[in-house]
Amino acid sequence: PYIGRSKSMDNLIIATGHGMMGLGLGPATGLLVSQIIGEKTTAVSVDAFQPSRFAS
């Protein structure tokens, strides 16, 4: 999945790409998104889920 802030838009949080596991991962993703919005330390590292990880 992609979870994190957009590099091009400061007020855009991306949380997508969960595929068939979306319903099961929804609560954890919601927690991470709320922590990102609140600028708190996330419960787990979201580095591997950054939307920019495939950007050139």
N, C-alpha and C. Protein backbone atom coordinates (compact mmCIF):
# COMPACT_ATOMS: atom_id res chain seq x y z
N PRO A 1 0.82 -1.21 0.00
CA PRO A 1 0.00 0.00 0.00
C PRO A 1 0.86 1.26 0.00
N TYR A 2 0.21 2.36 -0.28
CA TYR A 2 0.82 3.68 -0.19
C TYR A 2 0.21 4.38 1.01
N ILE A 3 1.04 4.81 1.94
CA ILE A 3 0.55 5.54 3.11
C ILE A 3 1.55 6.66 3.40
N GLY A 4 1.08 7.89 3.36
CA GLY A 4 1.97 9.00 3.68
C GLY A 4 1.53 10.30 3.02
N ARG A 5 2.31 11.32 3.25
CA ARG A 5 2.04 12.64 2.69
C ARG A 5 2.49 12.71 1.24
N SER A 6 1.76 13.48 0.47
CA SER A 6 2.14 13.76 -0.90
C SER A 6 3.32 14.72 -0.90
N LYS A 7 4.26 14.50 -1.80
CA LYS A 7 5.41 15.42 -1.92
C LYS A 7 5.00 16.73 -2.58
N SER A 8 3.99 16.68 -3.45
CA SER A 8 3.63 17.87 -4.21
C SER A 8 2.51 18.70 -3.57
N MET A 9 1.76 18.12 -2.64
CA MET A 9 0.66 18.84 -2.01
C MET A 9 0.74 18.64 -0.50
N ASP A 10 1.00 19.70 0.23
CA ASP A 10 1.19 19.61 1.68
C ASP A 10 -0.01 19.07 2.44
N ASN A 11 -1.21 19.35 1.95
CA ASN A 11 -2.41 18.97 2.68
C ASN A 11 -3.05 17.68 2.17
N LEU A 12 -2.29 16.86 1.45
CA LEU A 12 -2.82 15.60 0.92
C LEU A 12 -2.14 14.42 1.59
N ILE A 13 -2.94 13.57 2.22
CA ILE A 13 -2.46 12.33 2.81
C ILE A 13 -2.97 11.20 1.92
N ILE A 14 -2.08 10.32 1.52
CA ILE A 14 -2.44 9.21 0.63
C ILE A 14 -2.49 7.92 1.44
N ALA A 15 -3.57 7.17 1.28
CA ALA A 15 -3.72 5.87 1.92
C ALA A 15 -4.51 4.99 0.95
N THR A 16 -3.80 4.29 0.10
CA THR A 16 -4.45 3.51 -0.95
C THR A 16 -3.60 2.30 -1.32
N GLY A 17 -4.14 1.46 -2.18
CA GLY A 17 -3.37 0.34 -2.71
C GLY A 17 -3.34 -0.89 -1.82
N HIS A 18 -4.36 -1.07 -1.01
CA HIS A 18 -4.39 -2.22 -0.11
C HIS A 18 -4.92 -3.49 -0.77
N GLY A 19 -5.47 -3.34 -1.96
CA GLY A 19 -5.99 -4.50 -2.68
C GLY A 19 -7.06 -5.23 -1.89
N MET A 20 -7.02 -6.54 -1.95
CA MET A 20 -8.05 -7.35 -1.28
C MET A 20 -7.92 -7.34 0.24
N MET A 21 -6.86 -6.75 0.76
CA MET A 21 -6.66 -6.71 2.21
C MET A 21 -7.12 -5.39 2.83
N GLY A 22 -7.78 -4.56 2.04
CA GLY A 22 -8.19 -3.24 2.50
C GLY A 22 -9.07 -3.25 3.74
N LEU A 23 -10.02 -4.15 3.78
CA LEU A 23 -10.92 -4.20 4.92
C LEU A 23 -10.18 -4.60 6.19
N GLY A 24 -9.26 -5.52 6.08
CA GLY A 24 -8.49 -5.96 7.24
C GLY A 24 -7.45 -4.95 7.69
N LEU A 25 -6.87 -4.23 6.74
CA LEU A 25 -5.83 -3.25 7.07
C LEU A 25 -6.39 -1.86 7.36
N GLY A 26 -7.68 -1.68 7.13
CA GLY A 26 -8.31 -0.38 7.32
C GLY A 26 -8.09 0.24 8.69
N PRO A 27 -8.33 -0.49 9.78
CA PRO A 27 -8.13 0.11 11.10
C PRO A 27 -6.68 0.56 11.36
N ALA A 28 -5.73 -0.25 10.96
CA ALA A 28 -4.32 0.11 11.16
C ALA A 28 -3.95 1.30 10.28
N THR A 29 -4.45 1.31 9.05
CA THR A 29 -4.18 2.43 8.15
C THR A 29 -4.81 3.71 8.71
N GLY A 30 -6.02 3.60 9.23
CA GLY A 30 -6.68 4.75 9.83
C GLY A 30 -5.88 5.32 11.00
N LEU A 31 -5.33 4.44 11.81
CA LEU A 31 -4.50 4.89 12.93
C LEU A 31 -3.26 5.63 12.41
N LEU A 32 -2.60 5.05 11.42
CA LEU A 32 -1.40 5.69 10.87
C LEU A 32 -1.73 7.04 10.25
N VAL A 33 -2.82 7.11 9.50
CA VAL A 33 -3.22 8.37 8.88
C VAL A 33 -3.52 9.42 9.95
N SER A 34 -4.21 9.03 11.00
CA SER A 34 -4.51 10.00 12.07
C SER A 34 -3.23 10.48 12.74
N GLN A 35 -2.25 9.61 12.88
CA GLN A 35 -0.98 10.01 13.48
C GLN A 35 -0.19 10.92 12.54
N ILE A 36 -0.26 10.65 11.25
CA ILE A 36 0.41 11.52 10.27
C ILE A 36 -0.23 12.90 10.27
N ILE A 37 -1.56 12.94 10.26
CA ILE A 37 -2.27 14.22 10.26
C ILE A 37 -1.95 15.00 11.53
N GLY A 38 -1.91 14.31 12.66
CA GLY A 38 -1.60 14.96 13.93
C GLY A 38 -0.13 15.23 14.15
N GLU A 39 0.68 14.88 13.14
CA GLU A 39 2.13 15.07 13.20
C GLU A 39 2.75 14.41 14.43
N LYS A 40 2.23 13.23 14.75
CA LYS A 40 2.75 12.44 15.86
C LYS A 40 3.66 11.34 15.32
N THR A 41 4.41 10.72 16.20
CA THR A 41 5.21 9.57 15.80
C THR A 41 4.26 8.43 15.48
N THR A 42 4.45 7.79 14.32
CA THR A 42 3.55 6.71 13.93
C THR A 42 3.86 5.44 14.73
N ALA A 43 2.84 4.62 14.91
CA ALA A 43 2.96 3.38 15.68
C ALA A 43 4.00 2.45 15.06
N VAL A 44 4.09 2.45 13.75
CA VAL A 44 5.12 1.70 13.02
C VAL A 44 5.72 2.64 11.97
N SER A 45 6.90 2.33 11.53
CA SER A 45 7.53 3.15 10.50
C SER A 45 6.75 3.04 9.19
N VAL A 46 6.49 4.17 8.58
CA VAL A 46 5.78 4.17 7.30
C VAL A 46 6.73 4.42 6.13
N ASP A 47 8.02 4.35 6.38
CA ASP A 47 9.00 4.59 5.32
C ASP A 47 8.80 3.67 4.12
N ALA A 48 8.51 2.42 4.37
CA ALA A 48 8.33 1.45 3.28
C ALA A 48 7.05 1.69 2.50
N PHE A 49 6.14 2.51 3.04
CA PHE A 49 4.85 2.74 2.39
C PHE A 49 4.74 4.13 1.76
N GLN A 50 5.81 4.91 1.78
CA GLN A 50 5.76 6.27 1.26
C GLN A 50 5.33 6.29 -0.20
N PRO A 51 4.37 7.15 -0.55
CA PRO A 51 3.92 7.24 -1.94
C PRO A 51 5.04 7.60 -2.91
N SER A 52 6.06 8.26 -2.43
CA SER A 52 7.15 8.71 -3.31
C SER A 52 8.20 7.62 -3.55
N ARG A 53 8.00 6.44 -3.02
CA ARG A 53 9.05 5.42 -3.12
C ARG A 53 9.32 4.97 -4.54
N PHE A 54 8.38 5.17 -5.45
CA PHE A 54 8.59 4.79 -6.84
C PHE A 54 8.81 6.00 -7.74
N ALA A 55 8.86 7.18 -7.16
CA ALA A 55 9.04 8.39 -7.96
C ALA A 55 10.45 8.44 -8.53
N SER A 56 10.55 9.00 -9.70
CA SER A 56 11.88 9.10 -10.32
C SER A 56 12.52 10.43 -10.04
